[in-house]
């Protein structure tokens, strides 16, 4: 009897061991680190993967990602008469398998917050009520929060962010690059544009049908801040600003074309209520690391000014055109990226002979530390020092996914990229 039992037990034990071994092998296979993917010519750091998840979507701007991974993207111009596109991965296999377009107005800003999808046109802010899955309940009838913000066809993107007190902060860019009198090199004094543009306005996100007068000018002296973000570590607003244009056209005695190509800096500000960044009266010279008096107001390239204007927390080369800003709060990326800032640059720098990239600026305790770096490069697809063809992609929007992945939009071919680690 003992031998019979032993004969029966031994095969059973072997089967059990084999089953456990098979399970462990499968688990190890699942946990095995996959090699990085790069199906593009975009250059990214070692250990990262980048893939195209959608294309041919139109003139894409900012985007936001729901908790279930749905991606909402605003368009600067209508495509097939629709301004927003929703990308869905319905079976959660990592591939977009459904695209839904809606809204009849183009715009830039878009954000999921407090049970609503907020979105902007070039003159207004709207919201759509979401269900518990963060899906839109009534896709045809958005509520209007603010209307009547300046739209003169130039620097009119109404990007926005929100804090945790239901305040919405909206950029109203200036249509006049340096607040000059028309056909003149003379600056308007005082610059009356600042009454309704050239700054960031604060509104109550829960109040419908507001006008500009219902909000308050939160910060001024900001020519056009398309790239804004609320930093929840510092509980403050950050903005990366498009700088002004040419100096040498009206002031050749003080500025050369090279000056116009390399000045002024594109700057990153931390903003608080009542702050003045100085535009149009001053600009920031990244070489001298000083605020300079603008030539429209008596500057000659040597006169400093702006004692009452705030200083930037970081400066970048001229004409890079920062178009979105994101503080990374995920855990997928290595530790150095935690709470740091990603910036999507939409233009190119004659000084660097580079452009169309996503940069990264490390932060510690809510402040930038060390130098910024290029994180994802060569969206242009050509050598900008010796260009030989058209630009392929121009980065525009950034968003963080629920697993810590980084999404990037571009507006030439309507492409969406996903970057993982």
Protein backbone atom coordinates (compact mmCIF):
# COMPACT_ATOMS: atom_id res chain seq x y z
CA UNK A 1 0.00 0.00 0.00
CA UNK A 2 2.87 2.35 0.88
CA UNK A 3 4.46 1.76 -2.50
CA UNK A 4 1.18 2.42 -4.32
CA UNK A 5 0.72 5.71 -2.43
CA UNK A 6 4.32 6.70 -3.13
CA UNK A 7 3.91 5.96 -6.83
CA UNK A 8 0.81 8.15 -6.91
CA UNK A 9 2.37 11.02 -4.93
CA UNK A 10 5.55 11.32 -6.98
CA UNK A 11 3.84 12.04 -10.34
CA UNK A 12 1.51 14.49 -8.59
CA UNK A 13 4.48 16.36 -7.10
CA UNK A 14 6.21 16.52 -10.46
CA UNK A 15 3.04 17.94 -12.05
CA UNK A 16 2.76 20.53 -9.27
CA UNK A 17 6.40 21.59 -9.68
CA UNK A 18 6.03 21.82 -13.44
CA UNK A 19 2.86 23.90 -13.06
CA UNK A 20 4.58 26.27 -10.63
CA UNK A 21 7.60 26.52 -12.94
CA UNK A 22 5.34 27.29 -15.93
CA UNK A 23 3.50 30.00 -13.94
CA UNK A 24 6.79 31.57 -12.86
CA UNK A 25 8.10 31.55 -16.44
CA UNK A 26 4.96 33.32 -17.63
CA UNK A 27 5.27 35.86 -14.83
CA UNK A 28 8.94 36.46 -15.65
CA UNK A 29 8.00 36.92 -19.30
CA UNK A 30 5.44 39.54 -18.32
CA UNK A 31 7.93 41.36 -16.11
CA UNK A 32 10.75 41.21 -18.62
CA UNK A 33 11.90 44.68 -19.67
CA UNK A 34 11.00 45.23 -23.30
CA UNK A 35 13.57 46.85 -25.59
CA UNK A 36 12.92 50.54 -26.39
CA UNK A 37 10.71 51.29 -29.40
CA UNK A 38 11.44 54.14 -31.80
CA UNK A 39 9.53 54.04 -35.06
CA UNK A 40 10.41 57.68 -35.81
CA UNK A 41 13.52 59.75 -36.51
CA UNK A 42 12.97 61.60 -33.21
CA UNK A 43 15.93 61.36 -30.83
CA UNK A 44 15.07 60.46 -27.24
CA UNK A 45 17.18 59.44 -24.19
CA UNK A 46 18.31 55.85 -23.71
CA UNK A 47 15.68 53.62 -22.17
CA UNK A 48 12.73 55.58 -23.58
CA UNK A 49 10.34 54.49 -26.31
CA UNK A 50 8.41 56.72 -28.72
CA UNK A 51 5.63 55.67 -31.05
CA UNK A 52 3.00 57.29 -33.24
CA UNK A 53 -0.49 56.53 -31.92
CA UNK A 54 -2.49 58.72 -34.34
CA UNK A 55 -1.87 60.88 -37.41
CA UNK A 56 -3.59 63.05 -40.01
CA UNK A 57 -5.78 64.64 -37.35
CA UNK A 58 -5.44 68.27 -38.42
CA UNK A 59 -3.95 71.38 -36.83
CA UNK A 60 -3.53 69.96 -33.30
CA UNK A 61 -2.93 72.14 -30.25
CA UNK A 62 -3.26 71.23 -26.56
CA UNK A 63 -4.63 67.97 -25.17
CA UNK A 64 -5.82 66.36 -21.94
CA UNK A 65 -6.09 62.69 -20.92
CA UNK A 66 -8.89 61.17 -18.86
CA UNK A 67 -8.38 58.71 -16.02
CA UNK A 68 -9.34 55.84 -18.36
CA UNK A 69 -6.85 56.95 -21.04
CA UNK A 70 -9.17 58.81 -23.44
CA UNK A 71 -7.31 61.66 -25.17
CA UNK A 72 -9.10 64.93 -25.99
CA UNK A 73 -7.27 67.29 -28.38
CA UNK A 74 -8.17 70.81 -29.46
CA UNK A 75 -7.55 72.03 -33.01
CA UNK A 76 -6.46 75.52 -34.10
CA UNK A 77 -8.51 75.17 -37.28
CA UNK A 78 -11.54 73.04 -38.02
CA UNK A 79 -11.11 69.70 -39.77
CA UNK A 80 -14.25 68.28 -41.35
CA UNK A 81 -16.03 71.17 -39.59
CA UNK A 82 -15.01 69.89 -36.12
CA UNK A 83 -12.71 71.50 -33.56
CA UNK A 84 -12.00 68.73 -31.03
CA UNK A 85 -10.98 65.12 -31.58
CA UNK A 86 -11.34 62.32 -29.02
CA UNK A 87 -9.04 59.29 -29.26
CA UNK A 88 -10.17 56.09 -27.53
CA UNK A 89 -8.45 52.78 -26.88
CA UNK A 90 -11.66 50.84 -26.28
CA UNK A 91 -10.06 47.42 -25.65
CA UNK A 92 -7.08 48.77 -23.67
CA UNK A 93 -4.51 47.11 -25.94
CA UNK A 94 -2.42 50.26 -26.40
CA UNK A 95 -3.79 51.02 -29.87
CA UNK A 96 -6.24 53.81 -30.72
CA UNK A 97 -9.28 52.16 -32.28
CA UNK A 98 -11.89 54.93 -32.18
CA UNK A 99 -11.77 58.61 -33.19
CA UNK A 100 -14.67 60.94 -32.47
CA UNK A 101 -14.72 64.57 -33.63
CA UNK A 102 -17.03 67.22 -32.18
CA UNK A 103 -17.53 70.96 -31.46
CA UNK A 104 -17.88 73.64 -34.11
CA UNK A 105 -15.19 76.09 -32.93
CA UNK A 106 -11.38 75.91 -33.20
CA UNK A 107 -9.11 76.72 -30.27
CA UNK A 108 -6.09 75.78 -28.17
CA UNK A 109 -6.72 75.15 -24.47
CA UNK A 110 -8.33 71.95 -23.16
CA UNK A 111 -8.40 70.38 -19.68
CA UNK A 112 -10.29 67.80 -17.61
CA UNK A 113 -11.01 69.08 -14.11
CA UNK A 114 -13.73 68.71 -11.46
CA UNK A 115 -16.04 66.56 -13.58
CA UNK A 116 -15.91 68.73 -16.71
CA UNK A 117 -13.98 68.95 -19.95
CA UNK A 118 -12.98 72.61 -20.31
CA UNK A 119 -12.00 73.90 -23.73
CA UNK A 120 -11.36 77.22 -25.44
CA UNK A 121 -12.02 78.93 -28.72
CA UNK A 122 -9.98 82.01 -29.65
CA UNK A 123 -12.34 84.25 -27.67
CA UNK A 124 -14.22 82.07 -25.17
CA UNK A 125 -14.05 79.24 -22.62
CA UNK A 126 -16.58 76.38 -22.59
CA UNK A 127 -17.19 73.23 -20.56
CA UNK A 128 -18.80 69.83 -21.14
CA UNK A 129 -20.20 67.81 -18.23
CA UNK A 130 -18.53 64.40 -17.81
CA UNK A 131 -19.84 61.17 -16.30
CA UNK A 132 -17.94 59.09 -13.74
CA UNK A 133 -15.86 57.53 -16.54
CA UNK A 134 -14.93 61.06 -17.69
CA UNK A 135 -16.94 60.71 -20.87
CA UNK A 136 -19.00 63.64 -22.19
CA UNK A 137 -22.69 63.41 -21.33
CA UNK A 138 -24.03 65.91 -23.90
CA UNK A 139 -21.54 66.37 -26.71
CA UNK A 140 -23.65 68.90 -28.64
CA UNK A 141 -24.36 71.46 -25.91
CA UNK A 142 -21.34 72.89 -24.06
CA UNK A 143 -21.86 75.56 -21.41
CA UNK A 144 -20.17 78.91 -21.96
CA UNK A 145 -18.08 80.22 -19.06
CA UNK A 146 -16.40 83.32 -20.56
CA UNK A 147 -16.87 85.14 -23.86
CA UNK A 148 -15.64 88.33 -25.50
CA UNK A 149 -11.89 87.98 -24.95
CA UNK A 150 -9.77 89.78 -27.53
CA UNK A 151 -9.33 87.98 -30.85
CA UNK A 152 -7.67 90.03 -33.58
CA UNK A 153 -6.27 87.04 -35.46
CA UNK A 154 -2.70 87.35 -34.11
CA UNK A 155 -1.41 85.63 -30.92
CA UNK A 156 -5.03 84.84 -30.08
CA UNK A 157 -4.72 81.33 -28.59
CA UNK A 158 -6.63 81.20 -25.32
CA UNK A 159 -4.61 78.63 -23.40
CA UNK A 160 -5.62 78.17 -19.77
CA UNK A 161 -5.00 76.24 -16.55
CA UNK A 162 -6.93 75.71 -13.31
CA UNK A 163 -6.08 75.52 -9.63
CA UNK A 164 -7.89 73.49 -6.95
CA UNK A 165 -10.14 76.40 -5.95
CA UNK A 166 -12.04 76.42 -9.26
CA UNK A 167 -10.13 79.42 -10.59
CA UNK A 168 -9.33 79.38 -14.28
CA UNK A 169 -6.35 81.37 -15.59
CA UNK A 170 -6.59 82.40 -19.24
CA UNK A 171 -3.88 83.85 -21.46
CA UNK A 172 -4.93 86.84 -23.57
CA UNK A 173 -2.02 87.51 -25.91
CA UNK A 174 -1.27 90.86 -27.53
CA UNK A 175 -1.94 91.31 -31.23
CA UNK A 176 0.63 94.14 -31.32
CA UNK A 177 4.10 92.64 -31.01
CA UNK A 178 5.73 95.55 -29.19
CA UNK A 179 2.82 97.96 -28.60
CA UNK A 180 4.04 100.32 -31.35
CA UNK A 181 2.05 103.06 -32.96
CA UNK A 182 1.05 101.90 -36.44
CA UNK A 183 3.72 102.63 -39.08
CA UNK A 184 6.06 104.01 -36.45
CA UNK A 185 8.92 102.92 -34.23
CA UNK A 186 7.38 104.73 -31.31
CA UNK A 187 5.75 102.84 -28.48
CA UNK A 188 2.25 103.64 -27.27
CA UNK A 189 2.68 105.29 -23.88
CA UNK A 190 1.11 104.06 -21.75
CA UNK A 191 0.40 100.81 -23.57
CA UNK A 192 -3.38 100.69 -23.46
CA UNK A 193 -3.39 97.15 -24.88
CA UNK A 194 -2.58 95.99 -21.35
CA UNK A 195 -6.12 96.86 -20.29
CA UNK A 196 -7.50 93.86 -22.17
CA UNK A 197 -4.53 91.76 -23.39
CA UNK A 198 -0.84 91.09 -22.81
CA UNK A 199 -1.49 89.21 -19.59
CA UNK A 200 -3.32 86.41 -17.78
CA UNK A 201 -6.89 86.84 -16.50
CA UNK A 202 -8.54 84.88 -13.68
CA UNK A 203 -12.19 83.76 -13.79
CA UNK A 204 -14.51 81.63 -11.66
CA UNK A 205 -14.78 78.28 -13.45
CA UNK A 206 -18.21 77.62 -11.91
CA UNK A 207 -19.87 80.83 -13.13
CA UNK A 208 -21.47 80.81 -16.57
CA UNK A 209 -21.76 83.58 -19.19
CA UNK A 210 -19.00 85.85 -17.87
CA UNK A 211 -17.39 88.70 -19.80
CA UNK A 212 -13.88 90.09 -19.45
CA UNK A 213 -15.18 92.53 -16.85
CA UNK A 214 -16.25 89.64 -14.61
CA UNK A 215 -12.68 88.40 -14.32
CA UNK A 216 -9.59 90.10 -12.99
CA UNK A 217 -6.20 90.68 -14.52
CA UNK A 218 -4.09 88.25 -12.51
CA UNK A 219 -0.70 89.09 -14.06
CA UNK A 220 0.30 91.62 -16.71
CA UNK A 221 3.24 92.50 -18.95
CA UNK A 222 3.14 89.07 -20.64
CA UNK A 223 3.08 89.34 -24.43
CA UNK A 224 1.77 85.87 -25.22
CA UNK A 225 1.98 82.89 -22.87
CA UNK A 226 0.68 79.90 -24.83
CA UNK A 227 2.56 77.52 -22.50
CA UNK A 228 1.08 77.68 -19.00
CA UNK A 229 0.76 75.19 -16.14
CA UNK A 230 -0.43 75.19 -12.56
CA UNK A 231 2.26 73.72 -10.31
CA UNK A 232 0.48 71.89 -7.49
CA UNK A 233 3.74 71.52 -5.53
CA UNK A 234 4.17 75.29 -5.26
CA UNK A 235 0.46 76.10 -5.68
CA UNK A 236 1.39 78.71 -8.26
CA UNK A 237 1.08 79.55 -11.94
CA UNK A 238 3.98 79.12 -14.36
CA UNK A 239 4.11 80.55 -17.86
CA UNK A 240 6.64 80.23 -20.70
CA UNK A 241 6.29 83.27 -22.94
CA UNK A 242 6.71 84.02 -26.64
CA UNK A 243 9.07 87.00 -26.85
CA UNK A 244 8.73 90.03 -29.09
CA UNK A 245 10.07 90.22 -32.65
CA UNK A 246 12.55 92.32 -34.63
CA UNK A 247 14.59 95.19 -33.20
CA UNK A 248 16.64 96.26 -36.19
CA UNK A 249 13.76 97.22 -38.52
CA UNK A 250 13.18 100.61 -36.84
CA UNK A 251 16.40 100.88 -34.83
CA UNK A 252 19.35 99.90 -37.08
CA UNK A 253 21.60 102.36 -35.25
CA UNK A 254 21.35 100.21 -32.11
CA UNK A 255 20.45 96.71 -33.30
CA UNK A 256 21.67 94.47 -36.11
CA UNK A 257 19.77 91.62 -37.79
CA UNK A 258 21.83 89.29 -35.58
CA UNK A 259 20.42 91.01 -32.50
CA UNK A 260 16.92 90.46 -33.84
CA UNK A 261 17.70 86.79 -34.51
CA UNK A 262 19.07 86.14 -31.02
CA UNK A 263 17.06 88.49 -28.78
CA UNK A 264 15.06 88.60 -26.63
CA UNK A 265 14.97 85.39 -24.59
CA UNK A 266 11.92 83.21 -24.38
CA UNK A 267 11.38 83.17 -20.62
CA UNK A 268 9.70 81.07 -17.93
CA UNK A 269 7.98 82.93 -15.10
CA UNK A 270 6.45 81.89 -11.81
CA UNK A 271 3.47 84.22 -11.47
CA UNK A 272 1.46 85.45 -8.52
CA UNK A 273 -1.47 87.83 -8.36
CA UNK A 274 -0.45 91.38 -9.26
CA UNK A 275 2.84 90.44 -10.94
CA UNK A 276 4.12 92.51 -13.88
CA UNK A 277 6.61 90.88 -16.26
CA UNK A 278 7.38 94.20 -17.96
CA UNK A 279 6.20 93.84 -21.57
CA UNK A 280 6.24 95.99 -23.70
CA UNK A 281 8.52 98.36 -21.82
CA UNK A 282 11.29 95.86 -21.09
CA UNK A 283 12.68 92.63 -22.51
CA UNK A 284 15.06 90.03 -21.11
CA UNK A 285 18.58 89.68 -22.55
CA UNK A 286 19.74 86.13 -21.85
CA UNK A 287 23.36 86.99 -22.66
CA UNK A 288 23.56 89.91 -20.23
CA UNK A 289 21.10 88.22 -17.87
CA UNK A 290 19.34 91.54 -17.41
CA UNK A 291 16.04 93.25 -18.12
CA UNK A 292 16.60 95.85 -20.83
CA UNK A 293 14.65 98.95 -21.85
CA UNK A 294 12.77 98.31 -25.09
CA UNK A 295 13.76 100.57 -28.02
CA UNK A 296 10.16 101.75 -28.50
CA UNK A 297 10.54 103.39 -25.10
CA UNK A 298 14.06 104.80 -25.43
CA UNK A 299 16.23 101.70 -25.18
CA UNK A 300 19.47 101.28 -27.13
CA UNK A 301 20.53 97.75 -26.25
CA UNK A 302 22.53 98.96 -23.23
CA UNK A 303 20.00 100.59 -20.93
CA UNK A 304 18.67 98.34 -18.21
CA UNK A 305 15.16 98.83 -16.84
CA UNK A 306 12.24 97.13 -15.18
CA UNK A 307 13.14 97.40 -11.52
CA UNK A 308 9.51 96.70 -10.65
CA UNK A 309 9.10 93.87 -13.17
CA UNK A 310 9.58 90.31 -11.98
CA UNK A 311 12.60 88.27 -13.05
CA UNK A 312 12.21 85.05 -15.03
CA UNK A 313 13.07 81.79 -13.31
CA UNK A 314 14.63 80.47 -16.53
CA UNK A 315 15.57 81.81 -19.96
CA UNK A 316 15.73 80.06 -23.34
CA UNK A 317 17.09 81.20 -26.73
CA UNK A 318 14.99 83.57 -28.83
CA UNK A 319 12.22 82.46 -31.21
CA UNK A 320 11.84 78.90 -29.89
CA UNK A 321 8.13 79.60 -29.31
CA UNK A 322 7.16 77.63 -26.19
CA UNK A 323 3.68 76.26 -26.86
CA UNK A 324 3.00 74.01 -23.89
CA UNK A 325 4.29 73.38 -20.39
CA UNK A 326 3.80 70.30 -18.21
CA UNK A 327 5.03 69.46 -14.71
CA UNK A 328 5.65 65.72 -14.64
CA UNK A 329 4.07 63.99 -11.63
CA UNK A 330 4.20 60.37 -12.78
CA UNK A 331 6.43 57.53 -11.60
CA UNK A 332 7.09 55.81 -14.95
CA UNK A 333 10.01 58.07 -15.83
CA UNK A 334 13.28 58.01 -13.82
CA UNK A 335 13.58 60.02 -10.61
CA UNK A 336 15.30 63.02 -12.26
CA UNK A 337 12.07 63.84 -14.12
CA UNK A 338 9.79 63.90 -11.07
CA UNK A 339 8.12 67.31 -10.66
CA UNK A 340 10.32 68.79 -13.42
CA UNK A 341 8.98 70.76 -16.38
CA UNK A 342 8.61 69.58 -19.96
CA UNK A 343 8.28 72.37 -22.56
CA UNK A 344 7.15 71.88 -26.17
CA UNK A 345 8.98 74.31 -28.45
CA UNK A 346 7.18 75.10 -31.68
CA UNK A 347 9.86 77.26 -33.35
CA UNK A 348 13.57 77.35 -34.00
CA UNK A 349 16.54 79.30 -32.64
CA UNK A 350 18.97 80.96 -35.08
CA UNK A 351 21.47 81.03 -32.22
CA UNK A 352 21.31 77.27 -31.60
CA UNK A 353 20.45 76.34 -35.19
CA UNK A 354 18.04 73.95 -33.56
CA UNK A 355 14.35 73.88 -32.83
CA UNK A 356 11.10 71.90 -32.89
CA UNK A 357 11.90 69.87 -29.79
CA UNK A 358 10.63 69.00 -26.33
CA UNK A 359 12.89 70.28 -23.57
CA UNK A 360 13.14 69.33 -19.92
CA UNK A 361 13.99 71.58 -16.96
CA UNK A 362 14.73 69.88 -13.62
CA UNK A 363 12.99 71.26 -10.52
CA UNK A 364 13.59 70.74 -6.82
CA UNK A 365 11.36 72.09 -4.06
CA UNK A 366 9.38 73.98 -6.68
CA UNK A 367 12.39 75.80 -8.15
CA UNK A 368 14.44 75.11 -11.29
CA UNK A 369 17.83 73.55 -10.59
CA UNK A 370 20.64 73.21 -13.09
CA UNK A 371 20.40 73.68 -16.83
CA UNK A 372 17.53 72.77 -19.11
CA UNK A 373 18.16 70.09 -21.73
CA UNK A 374 16.67 68.83 -24.96
CA UNK A 375 14.61 65.74 -24.14
CA UNK A 376 13.10 64.77 -27.52
CA UNK A 377 14.85 66.18 -30.60
CA UNK A 378 14.62 66.17 -34.39
CA UNK A 379 10.88 66.54 -34.79
CA UNK A 380 11.88 68.72 -37.77
CA UNK A 381 13.33 65.70 -39.53
CA UNK A 382 16.05 67.81 -41.17
CA UNK A 383 19.33 69.46 -40.20
CA UNK A 384 18.31 73.01 -39.31
CA UNK A 385 21.92 74.20 -39.69
CA UNK A 386 21.79 73.11 -43.34
CA UNK A 387 18.10 72.71 -44.16
CA UNK A 388 17.31 70.65 -47.24
CA UNK A 389 13.57 70.19 -47.12
CA UNK A 390 10.33 70.98 -45.32
CA UNK A 391 9.86 70.68 -41.57
CA UNK A 392 8.15 67.38 -40.74
CA UNK A 393 6.70 67.98 -37.25
CA UNK A 394 6.27 70.98 -34.93
CA UNK A 395 5.63 70.00 -31.27
CA UNK A 396 2.68 71.83 -29.78
CA UNK A 397 0.85 70.08 -26.93
CA UNK A 398 1.86 67.93 -23.95
CA UNK A 399 -0.14 65.68 -21.63
CA UNK A 400 0.58 63.03 -19.02
CA UNK A 401 -1.28 59.73 -19.24
CA UNK A 402 -2.70 57.76 -16.29
CA UNK A 403 0.36 55.46 -16.19
CA UNK A 404 2.90 58.28 -16.39
CA UNK A 405 3.38 58.18 -20.18
CA UNK A 406 4.02 61.49 -21.97
CA UNK A 407 1.93 62.44 -25.01
CA UNK A 408 3.04 65.05 -27.58
CA UNK A 409 0.95 66.61 -30.35
CA UNK A 410 2.25 68.36 -33.44
CA UNK A 411 0.37 70.63 -35.83
CA UNK A 412 1.80 70.11 -39.32
CA UNK A 413 0.56 66.57 -39.94
CA UNK A 414 -1.78 66.13 -37.01
CA UNK A 415 0.35 63.49 -35.29
CA UNK A 416 0.18 62.26 -31.68
CA UNK A 417 3.23 60.63 -30.13
CA UNK A 418 3.45 58.54 -26.96
CA UNK A 419 6.71 58.45 -24.97
CA UNK A 420 7.23 55.74 -22.35
CA UNK A 421 10.07 54.39 -20.24
